[in-house]
Amino acid sequence: MVAHFEIHNQVNTSPTDFLQNVKDIVINFFRENQNNKIQIALVCDVVKVDAATGVVIAREQPVFNSNQESIFPATDLDNVFGRMTTKILESFSAYLKNGSGWTLERVVKE
């Protein structure tokens, strides 16, 4: 079974802050979907700005995924959330550091 759940960002926060702000909601979702494999994703708006003019020249909406985790009644949900968010934040950081010139505009949803 695959369950789908989205949390839309209502404030302009960093990916780290957003993930921390929704932690309790996500862990509750884990509890409600035990005996399933779960993966979370972070969707962001990123922009590329022309250095000379300051004008936005490109926009993208990349998705940063966690690894899939199996959730069972005895699963340490805080630990699972920590592993998932670490993977997402590492992917996000690598995306911005790869020399592409992209910068975060906002977190859209998880």
N, C-alpha and C. Protein backbone atom coordinates (compact mmCIF):
# COMPACT_ATOMS: atom_id res chain seq x y z
N MET A 1 0.83 -1.17 0.00
CA MET A 1 0.00 0.00 0.00
C MET A 1 0.88 1.25 0.00
N VAL A 2 0.50 2.23 -0.78
CA VAL A 2 1.21 3.49 -0.82
C VAL A 2 0.28 4.59 -0.31
N ALA A 3 0.73 5.30 0.68
CA ALA A 3 -0.05 6.41 1.22
C ALA A 3 0.61 7.71 0.78
N HIS A 4 -0.18 8.69 0.44
CA HIS A 4 0.33 9.97 -0.01
C HIS A 4 -0.19 11.07 0.91
N PHE A 5 0.70 11.93 1.31
CA PHE A 5 0.35 12.98 2.24
C PHE A 5 1.25 14.18 1.95
N GLU A 6 0.70 15.38 1.86
CA GLU A 6 1.49 16.57 1.59
C GLU A 6 1.30 17.59 2.70
N ILE A 7 2.38 18.28 3.02
CA ILE A 7 2.32 19.39 3.96
C ILE A 7 2.84 20.60 3.19
N HIS A 8 1.98 21.56 2.95
CA HIS A 8 2.36 22.76 2.21
C HIS A 8 2.95 23.79 3.16
N ASN A 9 4.02 24.41 2.74
CA ASN A 9 4.70 25.41 3.55
C ASN A 9 3.93 26.74 3.49
N GLN A 10 3.63 27.27 4.65
CA GLN A 10 2.88 28.53 4.73
C GLN A 10 3.77 29.73 5.06
N VAL A 11 5.01 29.46 5.46
CA VAL A 11 5.94 30.54 5.81
C VAL A 11 7.26 30.31 5.10
N ASN A 12 8.04 31.36 4.97
CA ASN A 12 9.32 31.24 4.27
C ASN A 12 10.39 30.80 5.27
N THR A 13 10.72 29.52 5.24
CA THR A 13 11.72 28.98 6.15
C THR A 13 12.75 28.20 5.35
N SER A 14 13.85 27.89 6.00
CA SER A 14 14.87 27.04 5.39
C SER A 14 14.37 25.60 5.36
N PRO A 15 14.96 24.76 4.53
CA PRO A 15 14.56 23.35 4.54
C PRO A 15 14.72 22.71 5.91
N THR A 16 15.80 23.03 6.61
CA THR A 16 16.02 22.46 7.95
C THR A 16 14.91 22.88 8.90
N ASP A 17 14.59 24.17 8.92
CA ASP A 17 13.52 24.66 9.80
C ASP A 17 12.17 24.07 9.43
N PHE A 18 11.88 24.01 8.15
CA PHE A 18 10.60 23.45 7.72
C PHE A 18 10.46 22.01 8.17
N LEU A 19 11.49 21.20 7.94
CA LEU A 19 11.42 19.79 8.33
C LEU A 19 11.26 19.65 9.84
N GLN A 20 11.94 20.49 10.60
CA GLN A 20 11.80 20.44 12.05
C GLN A 20 10.39 20.87 12.47
N ASN A 21 9.83 21.86 11.80
CA ASN A 21 8.49 22.34 12.13
C ASN A 21 7.39 21.30 11.87
N VAL A 22 7.60 20.43 10.90
CA VAL A 22 6.58 19.44 10.55
C VAL A 22 6.87 18.05 11.13
N LYS A 23 7.89 17.95 11.93
CA LYS A 23 8.32 16.64 12.46
C LYS A 23 7.17 15.90 13.14
N ASP A 24 6.46 16.54 14.03
CA ASP A 24 5.38 15.85 14.76
C ASP A 24 4.28 15.37 13.81
N ILE A 25 3.96 16.16 12.82
CA ILE A 25 2.94 15.77 11.83
C ILE A 25 3.39 14.55 11.04
N VAL A 26 4.65 14.56 10.63
CA VAL A 26 5.19 13.45 9.84
C VAL A 26 5.27 12.18 10.68
N ILE A 27 5.73 12.29 11.91
CA ILE A 27 5.81 11.11 12.77
C ILE A 27 4.42 10.55 13.04
N ASN A 28 3.43 11.39 13.20
CA ASN A 28 2.06 10.91 13.35
C ASN A 28 1.61 10.16 12.10
N PHE A 29 1.98 10.67 10.93
CA PHE A 29 1.68 9.97 9.67
C PHE A 29 2.34 8.60 9.65
N PHE A 30 3.58 8.51 10.13
CA PHE A 30 4.27 7.21 10.23
C PHE A 30 3.45 6.25 11.10
N ARG A 31 3.00 6.73 12.25
CA ARG A 31 2.23 5.89 13.17
C ARG A 31 0.95 5.36 12.52
N GLU A 32 0.31 6.21 11.74
CA GLU A 32 -0.94 5.84 11.08
C GLU A 32 -0.73 4.91 9.88
N ASN A 33 0.50 4.77 9.44
CA ASN A 33 0.79 3.97 8.24
C ASN A 33 1.82 2.89 8.52
N GLN A 34 1.71 2.26 9.69
CA GLN A 34 2.63 1.18 10.05
C GLN A 34 2.44 0.00 9.11
N ASN A 35 3.47 -0.82 9.06
CA ASN A 35 3.51 -2.01 8.21
C ASN A 35 3.54 -1.63 6.72
N ASN A 36 4.10 -0.47 6.44
CA ASN A 36 4.27 0.01 5.08
C ASN A 36 5.68 0.56 4.90
N LYS A 37 6.09 0.67 3.67
CA LYS A 37 7.31 1.40 3.35
C LYS A 37 6.92 2.84 3.10
N ILE A 38 7.72 3.74 3.66
CA ILE A 38 7.42 5.15 3.54
C ILE A 38 8.66 5.89 3.06
N GLN A 39 8.42 6.89 2.23
CA GLN A 39 9.47 7.78 1.76
C GLN A 39 8.92 9.19 1.84
N ILE A 40 9.74 10.12 2.28
CA ILE A 40 9.30 11.51 2.27
C ILE A 40 10.12 12.30 1.26
N ALA A 41 9.56 13.40 0.82
CA ALA A 41 10.23 14.24 -0.18
C ALA A 41 10.03 15.70 0.18
N LEU A 42 11.00 16.50 -0.17
CA LEU A 42 10.93 17.94 0.03
C LEU A 42 10.94 18.60 -1.34
N VAL A 43 9.97 19.46 -1.59
CA VAL A 43 9.86 20.17 -2.86
C VAL A 43 10.21 21.64 -2.60
N CYS A 44 11.13 22.18 -3.39
CA CYS A 44 11.58 23.56 -3.21
C CYS A 44 11.50 24.32 -4.52
N ASP A 45 11.33 25.62 -4.41
CA ASP A 45 11.51 26.50 -5.56
C ASP A 45 12.93 27.04 -5.48
N VAL A 46 13.68 26.90 -6.56
CA VAL A 46 15.02 27.45 -6.63
C VAL A 46 15.11 28.38 -7.84
N VAL A 47 15.97 29.36 -7.74
CA VAL A 47 16.12 30.32 -8.83
C VAL A 47 17.60 30.48 -9.17
N LYS A 48 17.83 30.90 -10.39
CA LYS A 48 19.16 31.28 -10.85
C LYS A 48 19.07 32.75 -11.21
N VAL A 49 19.95 33.55 -10.62
CA VAL A 49 19.92 34.99 -10.79
C VAL A 49 21.14 35.43 -11.59
N ASP A 50 20.92 36.31 -12.55
CA ASP A 50 22.02 36.90 -13.30
C ASP A 50 22.81 37.80 -12.35
N ALA A 51 24.11 37.51 -12.19
CA ALA A 51 24.93 38.26 -11.24
C ALA A 51 25.06 39.73 -11.60
N ALA A 52 25.05 40.05 -12.87
CA ALA A 52 25.23 41.43 -13.30
C ALA A 52 23.97 42.27 -13.10
N THR A 53 22.82 41.68 -13.34
CA THR A 53 21.57 42.46 -13.31
C THR A 53 20.71 42.19 -12.08
N GLY A 54 20.91 41.05 -11.42
CA GLY A 54 20.07 40.67 -10.28
C GLY A 54 18.72 40.14 -10.69
N VAL A 55 18.54 39.91 -11.99
CA VAL A 55 17.26 39.43 -12.53
C VAL A 55 17.25 37.90 -12.51
N VAL A 56 16.11 37.35 -12.11
CA VAL A 56 15.95 35.89 -12.14
C VAL A 56 15.90 35.44 -13.60
N ILE A 57 16.80 34.51 -13.95
CA ILE A 57 16.88 34.04 -15.33
C ILE A 57 16.35 32.62 -15.51
N ALA A 58 16.16 31.91 -14.40
CA ALA A 58 15.63 30.55 -14.50
C ALA A 58 15.02 30.15 -13.16
N ARG A 59 14.03 29.27 -13.24
CA ARG A 59 13.36 28.71 -12.05
C ARG A 59 13.23 27.20 -12.23
N GLU A 60 13.35 26.50 -11.14
CA GLU A 60 13.11 25.05 -11.13
C GLU A 60 12.42 24.69 -9.83
N GLN A 61 11.84 23.48 -9.81
CA GLN A 61 11.22 22.96 -8.60
C GLN A 61 11.72 21.53 -8.38
N PRO A 62 12.96 21.41 -7.90
CA PRO A 62 13.50 20.07 -7.67
C PRO A 62 12.85 19.39 -6.46
N VAL A 63 12.91 18.07 -6.48
CA VAL A 63 12.36 17.25 -5.40
C VAL A 63 13.52 16.49 -4.78
N PHE A 64 13.63 16.55 -3.46
CA PHE A 64 14.69 15.87 -2.73
C PHE A 64 14.05 14.76 -1.90
N ASN A 65 14.40 13.51 -2.23
CA ASN A 65 13.75 12.34 -1.62
C ASN A 65 14.61 11.72 -0.53
N SER A 66 13.93 11.16 0.46
CA SER A 66 14.61 10.32 1.45
C SER A 66 14.72 8.91 0.88
N ASN A 67 15.39 8.06 1.62
CA ASN A 67 15.33 6.64 1.30
C ASN A 67 14.00 6.09 1.80
N GLN A 68 13.58 4.96 1.24
CA GLN A 68 12.38 4.31 1.75
C GLN A 68 12.71 3.61 3.06
N GLU A 69 11.79 3.67 3.98
CA GLU A 69 11.94 3.01 5.28
C GLU A 69 10.69 2.19 5.56
N SER A 70 10.88 1.01 6.10
CA SER A 70 9.75 0.18 6.55
C SER A 70 9.37 0.61 7.96
N ILE A 71 8.08 0.82 8.16
CA ILE A 71 7.58 1.28 9.45
C ILE A 71 6.76 0.16 10.09
N PHE A 72 7.18 -0.25 11.28
CA PHE A 72 6.49 -1.29 12.04
C PHE A 72 6.16 -0.76 13.43
N PRO A 73 5.31 -1.43 14.20
CA PRO A 73 4.95 -0.95 15.53
C PRO A 73 6.16 -0.69 16.44
N ALA A 74 7.22 -1.48 16.31
CA ALA A 74 8.39 -1.31 17.18
C ALA A 74 9.44 -0.35 16.61
N THR A 75 9.18 0.24 15.47
CA THR A 75 10.15 1.13 14.82
C THR A 75 10.34 2.41 15.62
N ASP A 76 11.59 2.83 15.78
CA ASP A 76 11.92 4.10 16.43
C ASP A 76 11.65 5.21 15.41
N LEU A 77 10.50 5.85 15.52
CA LEU A 77 10.06 6.82 14.52
C LEU A 77 10.92 8.08 14.49
N ASP A 78 11.42 8.52 15.64
CA ASP A 78 12.32 9.67 15.67
C ASP A 78 13.59 9.38 14.89
N ASN A 79 14.10 8.17 15.06
CA ASN A 79 15.31 7.76 14.36
C ASN A 79 15.08 7.71 12.85
N VAL A 80 13.95 7.14 12.45
CA VAL A 80 13.60 7.07 11.02
C VAL A 80 13.49 8.47 10.44
N PHE A 81 12.78 9.36 11.14
CA PHE A 81 12.64 10.73 10.67
C PHE A 81 14.01 11.39 10.54
N GLY A 82 14.88 11.17 11.49
CA GLY A 82 16.23 11.72 11.45
C GLY A 82 17.03 11.24 10.24
N ARG A 83 16.96 9.95 9.97
CA ARG A 83 17.68 9.40 8.79
C ARG A 83 17.11 9.98 7.50
N MET A 84 15.79 10.06 7.43
CA MET A 84 15.14 10.57 6.21
C MET A 84 15.50 12.03 5.97
N THR A 85 15.42 12.85 7.01
CA THR A 85 15.69 14.27 6.83
C THR A 85 17.18 14.52 6.56
N THR A 86 18.04 13.74 7.16
CA THR A 86 19.47 13.86 6.87
C THR A 86 19.74 13.61 5.40
N LYS A 87 19.15 12.57 4.84
CA LYS A 87 19.33 12.26 3.42
C LYS A 87 18.81 13.40 2.55
N ILE A 88 17.64 13.93 2.87
CA ILE A 88 17.05 15.03 2.10
C ILE A 88 17.95 16.26 2.16
N LEU A 89 18.41 16.62 3.34
CA LEU A 89 19.22 17.83 3.48
C LEU A 89 20.59 17.67 2.82
N GLU A 90 21.15 16.47 2.85
CA GLU A 90 22.41 16.23 2.15
C GLU A 90 22.22 16.38 0.64
N SER A 91 21.13 15.85 0.12
CA SER A 91 20.83 15.98 -1.32
C SER A 91 20.61 17.43 -1.70
N PHE A 92 19.89 18.16 -0.87
CA PHE A 92 19.63 19.58 -1.12
C PHE A 92 20.95 20.37 -1.14
N SER A 93 21.78 20.13 -0.16
CA SER A 93 23.05 20.83 -0.07
C SER A 93 23.95 20.52 -1.27
N ALA A 94 24.00 19.27 -1.67
CA ALA A 94 24.81 18.88 -2.84
C ALA A 94 24.27 19.55 -4.10
N TYR A 95 22.98 19.65 -4.21
CA TYR A 95 22.35 20.29 -5.38
C TYR A 95 22.79 21.76 -5.48
N LEU A 96 22.79 22.46 -4.36
CA LEU A 96 23.15 23.88 -4.38
C LEU A 96 24.66 24.08 -4.55
N LYS A 97 25.45 23.12 -4.09
CA LYS A 97 26.91 23.28 -4.13
C LYS A 97 27.55 22.77 -5.41
N ASN A 98 26.78 22.20 -6.31
CA ASN A 98 27.39 21.58 -7.49
C ASN A 98 27.80 22.59 -8.56
N GLY A 99 27.81 23.86 -8.21
CA GLY A 99 28.25 24.88 -9.15
C GLY A 99 27.18 25.33 -10.12
N SER A 100 25.95 24.96 -9.87
CA SER A 100 24.87 25.26 -10.79
C SER A 100 24.40 26.71 -10.71
N GLY A 101 24.70 27.39 -9.61
CA GLY A 101 24.25 28.76 -9.44
C GLY A 101 22.83 28.88 -8.90
N TRP A 102 22.19 27.77 -8.54
CA TRP A 102 20.83 27.80 -8.00
C TRP A 102 20.87 28.26 -6.55
N THR A 103 19.85 29.01 -6.16
CA THR A 103 19.68 29.39 -4.76
C THR A 103 18.22 29.12 -4.37
N LEU A 104 18.03 28.84 -3.10
CA LEU A 104 16.69 28.55 -2.61
C LEU A 104 15.85 29.82 -2.62
N GLU A 105 14.66 29.71 -3.19
CA GLU A 105 13.69 30.79 -3.09
C GLU A 105 12.72 30.50 -1.95
N ARG A 106 12.19 29.24 -1.92
CA ARG A 106 11.32 28.85 -0.82
C ARG A 106 11.10 27.35 -0.83
N VAL A 107 10.74 26.81 0.33
CA VAL A 107 10.30 25.43 0.45
C VAL A 107 8.82 25.41 0.11
N VAL A 108 8.43 24.52 -0.78
CA VAL A 108 7.03 24.46 -1.21
C VAL A 108 6.24 23.52 -0.32
N LYS A 109 6.71 22.27 -0.21
CA LYS A 109 5.96 21.28 0.54
C LYS A 109 6.82 20.07 0.84
N GLU A 110 6.31 19.25 1.73
CA GLU A 110 6.91 17.95 2.02
C GLU A 110 5.86 16.92 1.68
